[in-house]
Protein backbone atom coordinates (compact mmCIF):
# COMPACT_ATOMS: atom_id res chain seq x y z
CA MET A 1 95.15 55.76 33.01
CA THR A 2 92.43 58.27 33.72
CA ILE A 3 90.12 59.35 30.90
CA ALA A 4 87.88 62.42 30.98
CA VAL A 5 84.75 62.69 28.86
CA PRO A 6 84.07 66.46 28.65
CA THR A 7 80.60 66.11 27.10
CA SER A 8 79.40 64.14 30.13
CA GLY A 9 79.63 66.96 32.65
CA GLY A 10 83.10 66.06 33.89
CA TRP A 11 82.79 62.26 34.11
CA THR A 12 86.13 60.43 34.36
CA PHE A 13 87.00 56.74 34.45
CA GLU A 14 90.01 54.52 34.85
CA ALA A 15 91.06 52.38 31.89
CA GLN A 16 93.92 50.18 30.86
CA LEU A 17 95.90 50.88 27.71
CA GLU A 18 96.22 47.66 25.71
CA GLU A 19 97.87 46.88 22.39
CA ASP A 20 96.35 44.07 20.33
CA GLU A 21 98.06 41.65 17.96
CA TRP A 22 97.66 44.14 15.08
CA HIS A 23 99.40 46.85 17.15
CA MET A 24 96.21 48.84 17.64
CA LEU A 25 95.81 50.68 20.95
CA TRP A 26 92.63 50.22 22.96
CA LEU A 27 91.25 51.78 26.10
CA VAL A 28 89.81 48.95 28.16
CA ARG A 29 87.73 49.18 31.30
CA ARG A 30 87.15 45.91 33.08
CA HIS A 31 84.09 44.94 35.08
CA GLY A 32 84.74 44.71 38.83
CA GLY A 33 85.27 41.14 40.05
CA THR A 34 84.76 39.30 36.77
CA GLY A 35 87.60 40.89 34.80
CA LYS A 36 85.41 40.95 31.67
CA ARG A 37 85.72 43.89 29.32
CA GLN A 38 83.08 46.42 30.16
CA LEU A 39 84.13 49.22 27.82
CA TRP A 40 86.65 49.28 25.03
CA ILE A 41 87.39 51.80 22.32
CA PHE A 42 90.29 52.59 20.01
CA VAL A 43 92.48 55.33 21.50
CA SER A 44 92.30 57.20 18.19
CA ALA A 45 88.47 57.13 18.24
CA ALA A 46 88.34 58.28 21.86
CA LEU A 47 90.63 61.22 21.15
CA LYS A 48 88.72 62.08 17.98
CA ASN A 49 85.57 62.28 20.12
CA ASN A 50 87.31 64.80 22.41
CA TRP A 51 87.96 62.39 25.26
CA HIS A 52 91.09 63.40 27.17
CA ILE A 53 93.81 61.36 28.81
CA VAL A 54 94.27 63.21 32.08
CA ASN A 55 96.70 60.83 33.76
CA ALA A 56 98.99 58.13 32.42
CA THR A 57 101.92 56.17 33.76
CA PRO A 58 105.36 56.60 32.18
CA ALA A 59 104.95 53.21 30.47
CA GLU A 60 101.58 54.26 29.02
CA ARG A 61 103.09 57.53 27.82
CA GLU A 62 105.88 55.60 26.11
CA LEU A 63 103.40 53.33 24.37
CA LEU A 64 101.33 56.32 23.24
CA ALA A 65 104.48 58.02 21.91
CA ALA A 66 105.54 54.85 20.09
CA HIS A 67 102.19 54.98 18.28
CA ARG A 68 102.74 58.64 17.47
CA PHE A 69 100.15 60.10 19.78
CA ALA A 70 101.66 63.47 20.63
CA SER A 71 102.57 64.11 24.22
CA GLY A 72 100.17 67.05 24.12
CA ARG A 73 97.30 64.55 24.08
CA VAL A 74 98.06 63.62 27.68
CA GLN A 75 97.20 66.42 30.08
């Protein structure tokens, strides 16, 4: 999915939506060739900080909806 950070002057990044064993949703950005987590944050915290989901696959939208993130959160 694509995430926009409005306070950064329009910076966007690609992240994966992942659910952990406690059913918490994370935004994860992996480092190039190593596959190590470079950035990770709870979806709820990202949205609370005014980050925006500007693009998501149908599967990601379903997962967000299952966790009761309103469809209006995805632009």
